[in-house]
């Protein structure tokens, strides 16, 4: 099971590292800034890799896997915002970062569900055997 989720766990470690290292002060609310797009992209990849882990582990990703993935990724994003606020004085707690994280996680699920044809998924699973 752990092997199926290894890419998602490695990416999660990268997200945690990047979220807790020093950063530059940025304006409080710019929804379409490069920072917000980076947040959304990071969490989209996290959810996509997690759903891919479910495919590798269970040979399917059900609706509840997608919902759980988005909820857990969003909670991780919110938790990291709190950690930044509490333990890293050069980082800020930003609600718009949390929103970008949640939107990214949702987008990753949507891309996974809508842009991976069943035939390609079957080929990937066969190659893993």
N, C-alpha and C. Protein backbone atom coordinates (compact mmCIF):
# COMPACT_ATOMS: atom_id res chain seq x y z
N UNK A 1 0.82 -1.20 0.00
CA UNK A 1 0.00 0.00 0.00
C UNK A 1 0.86 1.26 0.00
N UNK A 2 1.89 1.30 0.84
CA UNK A 2 2.72 2.50 0.92
C UNK A 2 3.38 2.80 -0.42
N UNK A 3 3.75 1.75 -1.14
CA UNK A 3 4.40 1.95 -2.44
C UNK A 3 3.44 2.63 -3.42
N UNK A 4 2.16 2.32 -3.33
CA UNK A 4 1.18 2.92 -4.22
C UNK A 4 1.08 4.43 -4.00
N UNK A 5 1.26 4.85 -2.75
CA UNK A 5 1.13 6.26 -2.41
C UNK A 5 2.47 6.99 -2.30
N UNK A 6 3.57 6.32 -2.63
CA UNK A 6 4.90 6.93 -2.49
C UNK A 6 5.03 8.25 -3.24
N UNK A 7 4.58 8.37 -4.50
CA UNK A 7 4.71 9.67 -5.17
C UNK A 7 3.93 10.78 -4.44
N UNK A 8 2.73 10.46 -3.98
CA UNK A 8 1.93 11.46 -3.26
C UNK A 8 2.60 11.85 -1.94
N UNK A 9 3.16 10.88 -1.23
CA UNK A 9 3.82 11.18 0.04
C UNK A 9 5.09 12.00 -0.17
N UNK A 10 5.83 11.69 -1.22
CA UNK A 10 7.03 12.49 -1.52
C UNK A 10 6.64 13.93 -1.88
N UNK A 11 5.59 14.07 -2.67
CA UNK A 11 5.14 15.42 -3.04
C UNK A 11 4.63 16.15 -1.80
N UNK A 12 3.91 15.45 -0.91
CA UNK A 12 3.44 16.06 0.32
C UNK A 12 4.62 16.56 1.14
N UNK A 13 5.69 15.79 1.22
CA UNK A 13 6.89 16.23 1.94
C UNK A 13 7.46 17.50 1.32
N UNK A 14 7.46 17.57 -0.01
CA UNK A 14 7.94 18.79 -0.69
C UNK A 14 7.04 19.97 -0.38
N UNK A 15 5.73 19.76 -0.37
CA UNK A 15 4.79 20.84 -0.06
C UNK A 15 4.99 21.33 1.37
N UNK A 16 5.16 20.41 2.31
CA UNK A 16 5.40 20.79 3.71
C UNK A 16 6.70 21.56 3.81
N UNK A 17 7.75 21.09 3.15
CA UNK A 17 9.03 21.79 3.20
C UNK A 17 8.90 23.21 2.65
N UNK A 18 8.30 23.33 1.48
CA UNK A 18 8.15 24.65 0.86
C UNK A 18 7.24 25.57 1.67
N UNK A 19 6.28 24.98 2.37
CA UNK A 19 5.35 25.79 3.17
C UNK A 19 5.96 26.27 4.47
N UNK A 20 7.02 25.63 4.90
CA UNK A 20 7.60 25.99 6.21
C UNK A 20 8.97 26.65 6.10
N UNK A 21 9.46 26.86 4.90
CA UNK A 21 10.72 27.58 4.76
C UNK A 21 10.44 29.07 4.61
N UNK A 22 11.43 29.86 4.87
CA UNK A 22 11.28 31.31 4.79
C UNK A 22 10.81 31.76 3.42
N UNK A 23 10.05 32.82 3.43
CA UNK A 23 9.51 33.33 2.17
C UNK A 23 9.58 34.84 2.13
N UNK A 24 9.04 35.37 1.09
CA UNK A 24 9.01 36.81 0.89
C UNK A 24 7.64 37.33 1.30
N UNK A 25 7.60 38.51 1.88
CA UNK A 25 6.31 39.11 2.21
C UNK A 25 5.58 39.44 0.92
N UNK A 26 4.30 39.12 0.90
CA UNK A 26 3.50 39.37 -0.29
C UNK A 26 2.24 40.10 0.12
N UNK A 27 1.56 40.74 -0.81
CA UNK A 27 0.31 41.41 -0.49
C UNK A 27 -0.70 40.42 0.10
N UNK A 28 -1.62 40.94 0.91
CA UNK A 28 -2.55 40.08 1.63
C UNK A 28 -3.55 39.34 0.76
N UNK A 29 -4.05 39.96 -0.31
CA UNK A 29 -5.05 39.26 -1.11
C UNK A 29 -4.89 39.56 -2.59
N UNK A 30 -4.39 38.60 -3.30
CA UNK A 30 -4.30 38.66 -4.75
C UNK A 30 -4.62 37.27 -5.26
N UNK A 31 -5.87 37.06 -5.60
CA UNK A 31 -6.33 35.71 -5.91
C UNK A 31 -5.64 35.09 -7.12
N UNK A 32 -5.30 35.87 -8.11
CA UNK A 32 -4.67 35.31 -9.31
C UNK A 32 -3.19 35.63 -9.40
N UNK A 33 -2.54 35.80 -8.27
CA UNK A 33 -1.10 36.05 -8.29
C UNK A 33 -0.35 34.76 -8.55
N UNK A 34 0.92 34.88 -8.87
CA UNK A 34 1.76 33.71 -9.10
C UNK A 34 1.78 32.80 -7.87
N UNK A 35 1.79 33.39 -6.69
CA UNK A 35 1.79 32.62 -5.45
C UNK A 35 0.55 31.75 -5.34
N UNK A 36 -0.61 32.31 -5.64
CA UNK A 36 -1.86 31.54 -5.53
C UNK A 36 -1.93 30.45 -6.59
N UNK A 37 -1.44 30.75 -7.79
CA UNK A 37 -1.42 29.74 -8.84
C UNK A 37 -0.47 28.60 -8.44
N UNK A 38 0.65 28.94 -7.81
CA UNK A 38 1.59 27.91 -7.34
C UNK A 38 0.95 27.06 -6.25
N UNK A 39 0.22 27.70 -5.32
CA UNK A 39 -0.50 26.94 -4.29
C UNK A 39 -1.48 25.97 -4.93
N UNK A 40 -2.29 26.47 -5.87
CA UNK A 40 -3.29 25.63 -6.52
C UNK A 40 -2.63 24.48 -7.28
N UNK A 41 -1.55 24.77 -7.99
CA UNK A 41 -0.86 23.72 -8.75
C UNK A 41 -0.27 22.66 -7.82
N UNK A 42 0.31 23.08 -6.71
CA UNK A 42 0.90 22.12 -5.76
C UNK A 42 -0.16 21.18 -5.20
N UNK A 43 -1.31 21.72 -4.84
CA UNK A 43 -2.37 20.89 -4.26
C UNK A 43 -3.12 20.10 -5.32
N UNK A 44 -3.16 20.60 -6.56
CA UNK A 44 -3.74 19.82 -7.65
C UNK A 44 -2.89 18.57 -7.89
N UNK A 45 -1.57 18.75 -7.91
CA UNK A 45 -0.68 17.61 -8.10
C UNK A 45 -0.77 16.65 -6.92
N UNK A 46 -0.88 17.18 -5.71
CA UNK A 46 -1.02 16.33 -4.53
C UNK A 46 -2.28 15.47 -4.62
N UNK A 47 -3.41 16.04 -4.99
CA UNK A 47 -4.64 15.25 -5.08
C UNK A 47 -4.56 14.27 -6.25
N UNK A 48 -3.98 14.69 -7.37
CA UNK A 48 -3.86 13.79 -8.51
C UNK A 48 -3.00 12.58 -8.14
N UNK A 49 -1.86 12.82 -7.49
CA UNK A 49 -0.98 11.72 -7.09
C UNK A 49 -1.64 10.81 -6.06
N UNK A 50 -2.43 11.39 -5.17
CA UNK A 50 -3.14 10.58 -4.17
C UNK A 50 -4.17 9.68 -4.85
N UNK A 51 -4.93 10.23 -5.78
CA UNK A 51 -5.91 9.42 -6.50
C UNK A 51 -5.21 8.35 -7.34
N UNK A 52 -4.07 8.67 -7.90
CA UNK A 52 -3.29 7.68 -8.63
C UNK A 52 -2.85 6.56 -7.67
N UNK A 53 -2.54 6.93 -6.42
CA UNK A 53 -2.21 5.93 -5.41
C UNK A 53 -3.38 4.99 -5.15
N UNK A 54 -4.60 5.53 -5.11
CA UNK A 54 -5.77 4.66 -4.93
C UNK A 54 -5.91 3.71 -6.12
N UNK A 55 -5.65 4.20 -7.31
CA UNK A 55 -5.73 3.34 -8.50
C UNK A 55 -4.70 2.22 -8.40
N UNK A 56 -3.49 2.55 -8.00
CA UNK A 56 -2.44 1.53 -7.90
C UNK A 56 -2.72 0.55 -6.77
N UNK A 57 -3.34 1.02 -5.69
CA UNK A 57 -3.57 0.18 -4.51
C UNK A 57 -4.84 -0.65 -4.66
N UNK A 58 -5.94 0.00 -5.01
CA UNK A 58 -7.24 -0.65 -5.05
C UNK A 58 -7.74 -0.97 -6.46
N UNK A 59 -6.98 -0.53 -7.47
CA UNK A 59 -7.37 -0.71 -8.86
C UNK A 59 -8.60 0.12 -9.25
N UNK A 60 -8.94 1.10 -8.43
CA UNK A 60 -10.05 2.01 -8.73
C UNK A 60 -9.97 3.20 -7.80
N UNK A 61 -10.63 4.27 -8.21
CA UNK A 61 -10.78 5.45 -7.35
C UNK A 61 -12.25 5.82 -7.38
N UNK A 62 -12.91 5.60 -6.28
CA UNK A 62 -14.35 5.86 -6.18
C UNK A 62 -14.60 7.33 -5.85
N UNK A 63 -15.87 7.70 -5.89
CA UNK A 63 -16.27 9.07 -5.57
C UNK A 63 -15.79 9.46 -4.17
N UNK A 64 -15.96 8.57 -3.21
CA UNK A 64 -15.55 8.90 -1.83
C UNK A 64 -14.04 9.06 -1.71
N UNK A 65 -13.27 8.40 -2.56
CA UNK A 65 -11.82 8.62 -2.55
C UNK A 65 -11.50 10.05 -2.99
N UNK A 66 -12.20 10.52 -4.01
CA UNK A 66 -12.00 11.89 -4.47
C UNK A 66 -12.39 12.91 -3.43
N UNK A 67 -13.55 12.71 -2.80
CA UNK A 67 -14.01 13.64 -1.76
C UNK A 67 -13.03 13.64 -0.60
N UNK A 68 -12.64 12.46 -0.16
CA UNK A 68 -11.69 12.37 0.97
C UNK A 68 -10.36 13.02 0.62
N UNK A 69 -9.90 12.82 -0.60
CA UNK A 69 -8.63 13.41 -1.03
C UNK A 69 -8.69 14.93 -0.98
N UNK A 70 -9.77 15.51 -1.50
CA UNK A 70 -9.91 16.97 -1.51
C UNK A 70 -10.02 17.50 -0.08
N UNK A 71 -10.80 16.84 0.76
CA UNK A 71 -10.97 17.29 2.15
C UNK A 71 -9.65 17.21 2.90
N UNK A 72 -8.95 16.09 2.80
CA UNK A 72 -7.69 15.92 3.52
C UNK A 72 -6.63 16.90 3.01
N UNK A 73 -6.53 17.06 1.69
CA UNK A 73 -5.56 18.01 1.15
C UNK A 73 -5.87 19.43 1.62
N UNK A 74 -7.15 19.79 1.64
CA UNK A 74 -7.54 21.13 2.10
C UNK A 74 -7.22 21.32 3.58
N UNK A 75 -7.45 20.29 4.37
CA UNK A 75 -7.12 20.37 5.80
C UNK A 75 -5.60 20.46 6.02
N UNK A 76 -4.84 19.74 5.21
CA UNK A 76 -3.38 19.86 5.29
C UNK A 76 -2.96 21.28 4.97
N UNK A 77 -3.55 21.85 3.92
CA UNK A 77 -3.24 23.24 3.55
C UNK A 77 -3.57 24.22 4.66
N UNK A 78 -4.74 24.05 5.28
CA UNK A 78 -5.14 24.92 6.39
C UNK A 78 -4.20 24.73 7.59
N UNK A 79 -3.85 23.48 7.85
CA UNK A 79 -2.94 23.21 8.97
C UNK A 79 -1.57 23.82 8.74
N UNK A 80 -1.09 23.76 7.52
CA UNK A 80 0.22 24.36 7.22
C UNK A 80 0.17 25.88 7.32
N UNK A 81 -0.96 26.48 6.98
CA UNK A 81 -1.09 27.92 7.17
C UNK A 81 -1.00 28.27 8.65
N UNK A 82 -1.62 27.47 9.51
CA UNK A 82 -1.54 27.71 10.95
C UNK A 82 -0.09 27.52 11.43
N UNK A 83 0.57 26.48 10.97
CA UNK A 83 1.97 26.23 11.36
C UNK A 83 2.85 27.41 10.95
N UNK A 84 2.62 27.94 9.76
CA UNK A 84 3.38 29.11 9.31
C UNK A 84 3.16 30.28 10.27
N UNK A 85 1.90 30.52 10.62
CA UNK A 85 1.56 31.64 11.49
C UNK A 85 2.17 31.46 12.88
N UNK A 86 2.08 30.25 13.40
CA UNK A 86 2.47 29.99 14.79
C UNK A 86 3.98 29.87 14.97
N UNK A 87 4.68 29.24 14.03
CA UNK A 87 6.07 28.87 14.26
C UNK A 87 7.10 29.53 13.35
N UNK A 88 6.65 30.24 12.33
CA UNK A 88 7.58 30.86 11.39
C UNK A 88 7.26 32.34 11.26
N UNK A 89 8.01 33.18 11.97
CA UNK A 89 7.68 34.61 12.01
C UNK A 89 7.76 35.31 10.66
N UNK A 90 8.54 34.79 9.74
CA UNK A 90 8.64 35.44 8.42
C UNK A 90 7.58 34.94 7.44
N UNK A 91 6.68 34.08 7.91
CA UNK A 91 5.58 33.58 7.07
C UNK A 91 4.26 34.11 7.61
N UNK A 92 3.26 34.18 6.76
CA UNK A 92 1.97 34.76 7.16
C UNK A 92 0.85 33.74 7.02
N UNK A 93 -0.18 33.91 7.83
CA UNK A 93 -1.41 33.11 7.74
C UNK A 93 -2.32 33.81 6.75
N UNK A 94 -2.67 33.13 5.66
CA UNK A 94 -3.48 33.77 4.63
C UNK A 94 -4.66 32.88 4.24
N UNK A 95 -5.85 33.44 4.37
CA UNK A 95 -7.05 32.70 3.98
C UNK A 95 -7.07 32.42 2.48
N UNK A 96 -6.56 33.35 1.69
CA UNK A 96 -6.57 33.14 0.25
C UNK A 96 -5.62 32.00 -0.16
N UNK A 97 -4.57 31.75 0.61
CA UNK A 97 -3.73 30.58 0.35
C UNK A 97 -4.53 29.30 0.61
N UNK A 98 -5.30 29.30 1.68
CA UNK A 98 -6.13 28.13 1.98
C UNK A 98 -7.15 27.89 0.87
N UNK A 99 -7.73 28.97 0.36
CA UNK A 99 -8.69 28.86 -0.74
C UNK A 99 -7.99 28.32 -1.99
N UNK A 100 -6.82 28.84 -2.29
CA UNK A 100 -6.08 28.36 -3.47
C UNK A 100 -5.71 26.88 -3.31
N UNK A 101 -5.35 26.46 -2.10
CA UNK A 101 -5.04 25.05 -1.85
C UNK A 101 -6.26 24.17 -2.10
N UNK A 102 -7.41 24.57 -1.58
CA UNK A 102 -8.64 23.79 -1.74
C UNK A 102 -9.07 23.75 -3.21
N UNK A 103 -8.99 24.88 -3.89
CA UNK A 103 -9.36 24.91 -5.31
C UNK A 103 -8.41 24.02 -6.11
N UNK A 104 -7.13 24.07 -5.79
CA UNK A 104 -6.16 23.22 -6.47
C UNK A 104 -6.45 21.74 -6.25
N UNK A 105 -6.76 21.36 -5.01
CA UNK A 105 -7.08 19.96 -4.71
C UNK A 105 -8.32 19.52 -5.50
N UNK A 106 -9.32 20.37 -5.54
CA UNK A 106 -10.53 20.08 -6.30
C UNK A 106 -10.23 19.97 -7.80
N UNK A 107 -9.40 20.86 -8.30
CA UNK A 107 -9.01 20.83 -9.71
C UNK A 107 -8.24 19.55 -10.04
N UNK A 108 -7.36 19.13 -9.15
CA UNK A 108 -6.62 17.88 -9.38
C UNK A 108 -7.55 16.69 -9.47
N UNK A 109 -8.56 16.65 -8.63
CA UNK A 109 -9.55 15.57 -8.68
C UNK A 109 -10.33 15.63 -9.98
N UNK A 110 -10.74 16.83 -10.37
CA UNK A 110 -11.52 17.00 -11.59
C UNK A 110 -10.72 16.56 -12.81
N UNK A 111 -9.46 16.98 -12.88
CA UNK A 111 -8.60 16.58 -14.01
C UNK A 111 -8.44 15.06 -14.02
N UNK A 112 -8.20 14.48 -12.86
CA UNK A 112 -8.04 13.03 -12.77
C UNK A 112 -9.30 12.31 -13.25
N UNK A 113 -10.45 12.80 -12.82
CA UNK A 113 -11.72 12.13 -13.15
C UNK A 113 -12.15 12.32 -14.60
N UNK A 114 -11.77 13.44 -15.21
CA UNK A 114 -12.29 13.76 -16.53
C UNK A 114 -11.30 13.60 -17.69
N UNK A 115 -10.03 13.53 -17.42
CA UNK A 115 -9.06 13.52 -18.50
C UNK A 115 -8.22 12.26 -18.59
N UNK A 116 -8.60 11.24 -17.84
CA UNK A 116 -7.89 9.97 -17.95
C UNK A 116 -8.87 8.94 -18.49
N UNK A 117 -8.78 8.62 -19.77
CA UNK A 117 -9.71 7.66 -20.35
C UNK A 117 -9.54 6.28 -19.72
N UNK A 118 -10.63 5.54 -19.56
CA UNK A 118 -10.54 4.20 -18.97
C UNK A 118 -9.55 3.28 -19.68
N UNK A 119 -9.42 3.41 -21.00
CA UNK A 119 -8.48 2.55 -21.73
C UNK A 119 -7.04 2.84 -21.32
N UNK A 120 -6.70 4.12 -21.15
CA UNK A 120 -5.34 4.48 -20.73
C UNK A 120 -5.10 3.99 -19.30
N UNK A 121 -6.09 4.14 -18.45
CA UNK A 121 -5.97 3.69 -17.07
C UNK A 121 -5.73 2.18 -17.03
N UNK A 122 -6.47 1.44 -17.84
CA UNK A 122 -6.28 -0.02 -17.91
C UNK A 122 -4.88 -0.37 -18.38
N UNK A 123 -4.37 0.38 -19.36
CA UNK A 123 -3.01 0.13 -19.85
C UNK A 123 -1.98 0.40 -18.77
N UNK A 124 -2.17 1.49 -18.02
CA UNK A 124 -1.24 1.80 -16.92
C UNK A 124 -1.26 0.70 -15.87
N UNK A 125 -2.45 0.23 -15.53
CA UNK A 125 -2.55 -0.81 -14.51
C UNK A 125 -1.90 -2.11 -14.99
N UNK A 126 -2.09 -2.43 -16.25
CA UNK A 126 -1.47 -3.64 -16.80
C UNK A 126 0.05 -3.50 -16.78
N UNK A 127 0.57 -2.33 -17.07
CA UNK A 127 2.03 -2.11 -17.06
C UNK A 127 2.60 -2.24 -15.66
N UNK A 128 1.79 -1.96 -14.64
CA UNK A 128 2.26 -2.06 -13.25
C UNK A 128 2.37 -3.50 -12.77
N UNK A 129 1.70 -4.40 -13.45
CA UNK A 129 1.71 -5.82 -13.00
C UNK A 129 3.03 -6.49 -13.25
